[in-house]
N, C-alpha and C. Protein backbone atom coordinates (compact mmCIF):
# COMPACT_ATOMS: atom_id res chain seq x y z
N MET A 1 0.77 -1.05 -0.23
CA MET A 1 0.17 0.22 -0.30
C MET A 1 0.80 1.43 -0.28
N GLU A 2 0.06 2.16 -0.98
CA GLU A 2 1.32 3.54 -0.87
C GLU A 2 1.21 4.22 0.51
N ARG A 3 2.59 4.87 0.63
CA ARG A 3 2.61 5.38 2.18
C ARG A 3 1.90 7.04 2.45
N ARG A 4 1.87 7.19 0.86
CA ARG A 4 0.89 9.16 0.57
C ARG A 4 -0.17 8.67 -0.54
N GLY A 5 -1.34 9.25 -0.49
CA GLY A 5 -2.06 9.78 -1.18
C GLY A 5 -3.07 9.28 -1.01
N PRO A 6 -4.38 9.88 -1.70
CA PRO A 6 -5.90 9.30 -1.30
C PRO A 6 -6.20 7.73 -0.35
N ALA A 7 -5.15 6.99 -0.56
CA ALA A 7 -5.71 5.96 -0.07
C ALA A 7 -5.43 6.05 1.61
N VAL A 8 -4.88 6.32 1.82
CA VAL A 8 -4.41 6.84 3.17
C VAL A 8 -4.98 8.22 3.78
N GLU A 9 -5.31 9.06 2.96
CA GLU A 9 -6.07 10.25 3.46
C GLU A 9 -7.62 10.27 3.48
N PRO A 10 -7.74 10.32 5.08
CA PRO A 10 -9.27 10.44 5.26
C PRO A 10 -10.01 11.72 4.71
N LYS A 11 -11.20 11.40 3.84
CA LYS A 11 -11.44 13.05 3.98
C LYS A 11 -12.70 12.96 4.62
N GLU A 12 -13.81 12.43 5.41
CA GLU A 12 -14.39 12.09 6.84
C GLU A 12 -13.91 10.96 7.12
N ILE A 13 -13.57 11.40 9.10
CA ILE A 13 -14.02 10.08 9.90
C ILE A 13 -15.42 10.59 10.57
N LYS A 14 -15.94 9.91 11.43
CA LYS A 14 -17.20 9.74 11.47
C LYS A 14 -17.46 8.92 12.46
N HIS A 15 -17.86 9.60 13.67
CA HIS A 15 -18.11 8.38 15.16
C HIS A 15 -19.50 8.33 15.39
N GLU A 16 -19.83 7.08 14.49
CA GLU A 16 -21.20 7.31 14.49
C GLU A 16 -22.28 6.63 15.61
N ASP A 17 -21.68 6.10 16.29
CA ASP A 17 -21.52 5.24 18.08
C ASP A 17 -21.03 5.05 18.61
N ASP A 18 -21.46 4.90 20.00
CA ASP A 18 -20.49 4.13 20.87
C ASP A 18 -19.44 3.26 20.83
N PHE A 19 -20.02 2.05 19.25
CA PHE A 19 -19.33 1.09 18.65
C PHE A 19 -18.83 1.15 17.93
N ASN A 20 -19.21 1.84 16.87
CA ASN A 20 -18.93 2.37 15.38
C ASN A 20 -18.13 3.82 15.34
N VAL A 21 -17.09 3.64 14.24
CA VAL A 21 -16.75 4.94 13.41
C VAL A 21 -16.23 4.66 12.14
N SER A 22 -16.52 5.13 11.34
CA SER A 22 -16.34 5.06 9.81
C SER A 22 -15.99 6.43 9.34
N ILE A 23 -14.49 5.80 8.20
CA ILE A 23 -13.82 7.06 7.36
C ILE A 23 -14.18 6.32 6.21
N THR A 24 -14.32 7.70 5.52
CA THR A 24 -14.18 7.97 3.98
C THR A 24 -13.24 8.29 3.51
N TRP A 25 -12.16 7.36 2.85
CA TRP A 25 -10.69 7.60 2.25
C TRP A 25 -10.63 8.44 1.35
N GLY A 26 -10.09 9.24 0.95
CA GLY A 26 -9.95 9.97 0.44
C GLY A 26 -9.94 9.80 -1.59
N ASP A 27 -9.64 8.36 -1.58
CA ASP A 27 -10.06 7.85 -3.35
C ASP A 27 -11.97 6.80 -2.64
N ASP A 28 -12.29 7.59 -1.78
CA ASP A 28 -13.84 7.58 -1.73
C ASP A 28 -14.16 6.11 -0.99
N ARG A 29 -12.77 5.24 -0.99
CA ARG A 29 -13.45 4.16 -0.10
C ARG A 29 -14.63 4.16 1.69
N ARG A 30 -15.48 3.63 1.72
CA ARG A 30 -15.90 3.90 3.09
C ARG A 30 -15.20 2.68 3.64
N CYS A 31 -15.08 2.89 5.02
CA CYS A 31 -15.09 1.77 6.07
C CYS A 31 -15.20 1.82 7.53
N ARG A 32 -15.70 0.72 7.42
CA ARG A 32 -16.13 1.06 9.07
C ARG A 32 -16.16 0.03 9.86
N TYR A 33 -15.70 0.45 11.01
CA TYR A 33 -15.12 -0.10 11.85
C TYR A 33 -15.55 -0.25 13.01
N HIS A 34 -15.62 -0.95 13.92
CA HIS A 34 -16.19 -1.88 14.94
C HIS A 34 -15.30 -1.97 16.25
N ALA A 35 -16.00 -1.16 17.60
CA ALA A 35 -14.76 -1.15 18.25
C ALA A 35 -14.06 -2.06 18.92
N ALA A 36 -14.77 -3.17 19.30
CA ALA A 36 -14.36 -4.72 19.86
C ALA A 36 -13.21 -4.80 18.96
N ALA A 37 -13.19 -4.91 17.61
CA ALA A 37 -11.98 -5.13 16.63
C ALA A 37 -11.00 -3.98 16.59
N LEU A 38 -10.96 -2.66 16.89
CA LEU A 38 -10.29 -1.68 17.04
C LEU A 38 -9.68 -1.79 18.39
N ARG A 39 -10.01 -2.28 18.99
CA ARG A 39 -9.52 -2.12 20.24
C ARG A 39 -8.82 -3.53 20.64
N ARG A 40 -9.28 -4.56 19.81
CA ARG A 40 -8.46 -5.67 19.65
C ARG A 40 -6.77 -5.98 18.85
N ALA A 41 -7.08 -4.67 18.22
CA ALA A 41 -6.17 -4.21 17.00
C ALA A 41 -4.87 -2.82 17.52
N CYS A 42 -5.58 -2.69 19.03
CA CYS A 42 -4.26 -1.56 19.22
C CYS A 42 -2.78 -2.08 19.23
N PRO A 43 -2.07 -0.98 18.74
CA PRO A 43 -0.66 -0.94 18.02
C PRO A 43 0.11 -0.66 19.15
N CYS A 44 -0.21 -0.34 20.25
CA CYS A 44 0.46 -0.19 21.45
C CYS A 44 1.45 -0.71 22.16
N ALA A 45 2.27 -0.30 22.50
CA ALA A 45 3.64 -0.79 23.53
C ALA A 45 2.96 -2.25 24.45
N GLN A 46 1.55 -1.49 24.45
CA GLN A 46 1.05 -2.56 25.74
C GLN A 46 0.14 -4.08 25.36
N CYS A 47 -0.01 -3.64 24.08
CA CYS A 47 -0.71 -4.60 23.69
C CYS A 47 0.22 -5.41 22.55
N VAL A 48 1.13 -5.49 22.40
CA VAL A 48 1.75 -5.44 20.99
C VAL A 48 4.10 -5.09 21.59
N ASP A 49 4.27 -6.60 21.42
CA ASP A 49 5.92 -6.58 21.99
C ASP A 49 6.87 -5.74 21.20
N GLU A 50 7.53 -4.95 21.50
CA GLU A 50 7.72 -3.88 20.90
C GLU A 50 9.57 -4.62 19.90
N TRP A 51 9.94 -5.62 20.49
CA TRP A 51 10.36 -6.35 20.37
C TRP A 51 10.57 -6.89 18.91
N THR A 52 9.61 -8.13 19.10
CA THR A 52 9.13 -8.79 18.43
C THR A 52 7.92 -9.30 17.93
N GLY A 53 7.03 -7.68 18.30
CA GLY A 53 6.08 -7.31 17.00
C GLY A 53 4.75 -8.61 17.77
N GLU A 54 5.25 -8.92 18.69
CA GLU A 54 4.20 -10.57 18.70
C GLU A 54 3.19 -9.86 19.54
N ARG A 55 2.00 -10.67 19.19
CA ARG A 55 0.41 -9.52 20.26
C ARG A 55 0.79 -9.91 21.15
N VAL A 56 0.89 -9.41 22.63
CA VAL A 56 0.55 -9.83 23.85
C VAL A 56 -1.02 -9.14 24.49
N LEU A 57 -1.82 -8.66 23.68
CA LEU A 57 -3.29 -8.47 24.22
C LEU A 57 -3.53 -9.52 23.49
N LYS A 58 -4.49 -10.21 24.78
CA LYS A 58 -5.86 -11.63 24.47
C LYS A 58 -6.49 -11.10 23.88
N ALA A 59 -7.26 -11.51 22.95
CA ALA A 59 -8.10 -10.88 21.81
C ALA A 59 -9.68 -11.23 22.89
N GLY A 60 -9.42 -12.25 23.75
CA GLY A 60 -10.81 -12.32 24.48
C GLY A 60 -11.04 -11.55 25.61
N SER A 61 -9.82 -11.17 26.16
CA SER A 61 -10.00 -9.83 27.47
C SER A 61 -10.74 -9.13 27.21
N ILE A 62 -11.06 -8.72 25.63
CA ILE A 62 -11.46 -7.12 25.39
C ILE A 62 -12.62 -7.65 25.48
N SER A 63 -14.26 -7.16 26.29
CA SER A 63 -15.07 -7.22 25.19
C SER A 63 -15.59 -7.03 24.06
N ASP A 64 -16.84 -7.90 23.72
CA ASP A 64 -17.71 -7.23 22.45
C ASP A 64 -18.33 -6.44 22.69
N ASN A 65 -18.54 -6.02 23.73
CA ASN A 65 -19.39 -4.20 23.79
C ASN A 65 -18.05 -3.55 24.83
N ILE A 66 -17.63 -3.11 24.15
CA ILE A 66 -16.51 -2.15 25.04
C ILE A 66 -17.18 -1.08 23.72
N GLU A 67 -16.71 0.08 24.22
CA GLU A 67 -17.67 1.89 23.78
C GLU A 67 -15.58 2.58 23.60
N ILE A 68 -16.29 3.22 22.28
CA ILE A 68 -15.41 4.53 22.29
C ILE A 68 -16.00 5.39 22.47
N ARG A 69 -15.09 6.13 23.57
CA ARG A 69 -15.46 6.99 24.72
C ARG A 69 -15.17 8.36 23.82
N ASP A 70 -13.72 8.46 23.16
CA ASP A 70 -13.76 9.38 22.48
C ASP A 70 -12.82 8.72 21.48
N ILE A 71 -12.62 9.99 20.55
CA ILE A 71 -11.55 10.16 19.17
C ILE A 71 -10.87 11.06 18.93
N SER A 72 -9.81 11.36 18.99
CA SER A 72 -8.83 12.26 18.33
C SER A 72 -7.99 12.07 17.58
N LEU A 73 -7.46 13.27 17.15
CA LEU A 73 -6.48 13.52 16.04
C LEU A 73 -5.23 13.34 17.07
N VAL A 74 -3.85 12.72 16.05
CA VAL A 74 -2.52 13.06 16.19
C VAL A 74 -2.02 13.17 14.63
N GLY A 75 -1.74 14.83 15.30
CA GLY A 75 -0.89 15.25 13.63
C GLY A 75 -1.77 15.11 12.68
N ARG A 76 -0.64 14.78 11.77
CA ARG A 76 -2.15 14.55 10.41
C ARG A 76 -1.63 13.11 10.03
N TYR A 77 -1.45 12.43 10.84
CA TYR A 77 -0.99 10.91 10.45
C TYR A 77 -1.85 10.12 11.86
N ALA A 78 -2.88 9.96 12.33
CA ALA A 78 -3.43 8.87 12.68
C ALA A 78 -4.83 9.40 14.11
N LEU A 79 -4.81 8.56 14.59
CA LEU A 79 -5.85 8.33 15.21
C LEU A 79 -5.46 7.80 17.07
N ASN A 80 -5.94 8.37 17.38
CA ASN A 80 -6.16 7.74 19.48
C ASN A 80 -7.60 7.30 19.15
N PHE A 81 -7.80 6.55 20.13
CA PHE A 81 -9.12 6.61 20.57
C PHE A 81 -9.27 6.05 22.38
N ARG A 82 -10.02 6.46 23.33
CA ARG A 82 -9.82 6.27 24.36
C ARG A 82 -11.24 5.38 24.79
N TRP A 83 -11.06 4.86 24.92
CA TRP A 83 -12.14 3.34 25.61
C TRP A 83 -12.54 2.84 27.08
N SER A 84 -13.20 2.20 26.71
CA SER A 84 -14.38 2.68 27.81
C SER A 84 -13.82 1.23 29.40
N ASP A 85 -12.36 0.84 28.44
CA ASP A 85 -12.00 -0.11 29.91
C ASP A 85 -10.75 1.06 29.98
N GLY A 86 -10.38 2.17 29.59
CA GLY A 86 -9.77 3.19 30.83
C GLY A 86 -8.63 2.87 29.26
N HIS A 87 -8.09 1.78 28.50
CA HIS A 87 -7.17 2.19 27.97
C HIS A 87 -7.08 3.24 26.60
N GLU A 88 -5.66 3.95 26.51
CA GLU A 88 -5.76 5.01 25.87
C GLU A 88 -4.69 5.43 24.60
N THR A 89 -3.78 4.18 25.15
CA THR A 89 -2.53 4.73 24.55
C THR A 89 -1.67 4.55 23.11
N GLY A 90 -2.58 3.65 22.31
CA GLY A 90 -2.85 3.36 21.05
C GLY A 90 -2.98 4.54 19.99
N ILE A 91 -1.72 4.61 18.88
CA ILE A 91 -2.14 5.71 18.01
C ILE A 91 -2.32 4.82 16.83
N TYR A 92 -3.34 5.10 16.04
CA TYR A 92 -3.47 4.18 15.32
C TYR A 92 -3.70 5.08 13.65
N SER A 93 -2.25 4.68 13.01
CA SER A 93 -1.98 5.63 12.30
C SER A 93 -3.06 4.92 10.79
N PHE A 94 -3.01 6.12 9.90
CA PHE A 94 -3.98 6.01 8.88
C PHE A 94 -3.93 5.28 8.26
N ARG A 95 -2.59 5.07 7.68
CA ARG A 95 -2.12 4.00 6.81
C ARG A 95 -2.32 2.60 7.54
N TYR A 96 -2.48 2.04 9.00
CA TYR A 96 -2.72 0.92 9.49
C TYR A 96 -4.12 1.24 9.72
N LEU A 97 -5.26 2.10 9.86
CA LEU A 97 -7.25 1.93 9.46
C LEU A 97 -6.76 1.18 8.36
N ARG A 98 -6.12 1.81 7.54
CA ARG A 98 -6.59 1.39 6.15
C ARG A 98 -5.74 0.13 6.01
N GLU A 99 -5.26 -0.60 6.48
CA GLU A 99 -4.55 -2.21 6.49
C GLU A 99 -5.72 -2.81 7.22
N LEU A 100 -6.03 -1.89 7.92
CA LEU A 100 -7.35 -2.73 8.29
C LEU A 100 -8.07 -3.20 8.31
N CYS A 101 -8.71 -1.69 7.30
CA CYS A 101 -10.01 -2.76 6.67
C CYS A 101 -10.12 -3.20 5.28
N GLU A 102 -8.82 -3.49 4.32
CA GLU A 102 -8.47 -4.28 3.35
C GLU A 102 -9.36 -5.51 3.27
N PRO A 103 -9.19 -6.19 4.72
CA PRO A 103 -9.85 -7.17 4.55
C PRO A 103 -11.25 -7.63 4.85
N GLN A 104 -11.91 -6.32 4.98
CA GLN A 104 -13.47 -6.26 5.04
C GLN A 104 -14.24 -6.08 3.78
N ASP A 105 -13.29 -6.37 2.15
CA ASP A 105 -13.55 -6.30 1.47
C ASP A 105 -15.07 -7.83 1.36
N ALA A 106 -14.11 -9.15 1.75
CA ALA A 106 -14.72 -10.23 1.71
C ALA A 106 -15.28 -10.60 2.82
N GLU A 107 -15.88 -9.70 3.75
CA GLU A 107 -16.51 -10.69 5.20
C GLU A 107 -17.58 -9.86 4.69
N SER A 108 -17.51 -7.94 4.40
CA SER A 108 -19.05 -7.65 4.24
C SER A 108 -19.05 -6.79 2.47
N GLY A 109 -20.82 -6.15 3.02
CA GLY A 109 -20.86 -5.38 2.29
C GLY A 109 -20.97 -3.62 2.13
N ASP A 110 -20.36 -3.56 4.00
CA ASP A 110 -20.32 -2.06 4.45
C ASP A 110 -19.39 -1.04 3.24
N GLN A 111 -18.49 -1.85 2.95
CA GLN A 111 -17.29 -0.82 2.05
C GLN A 111 -18.06 -0.32 0.64
N GLN A 112 -16.70 0.92 0.60
CA GLN A 112 -17.53 0.63 -0.47
C GLN A 112 -16.50 1.17 -1.54
N SER A 113 -15.79 0.98 -2.87
CA SER A 113 -14.57 0.86 -3.72
C SER A 113 -16.03 2.17 -4.37
């Protein structure tokens, strides 16, 4: 995936409700993210071993009912989420969020190309 350009530049970020956020990218692709899936994919050092890259966060430890309490921009390259479990250290780059979206094509019809 390219590092810059419309595919990794959001046009709109919408906090739909406590459980979902959607991003419309510069290439008009719309991706919808569920809170539990995003929390389980947290890229922070508490959730992913910095040296090995191995995910240390156990997916089963995250409730399907976890909520997004707040979303903030990090510079012009990422989002930070504040979760209902108190976690808030993950920085989700726009590139990472777009990569998380790519497998959604096969899973559902939410996305638009």
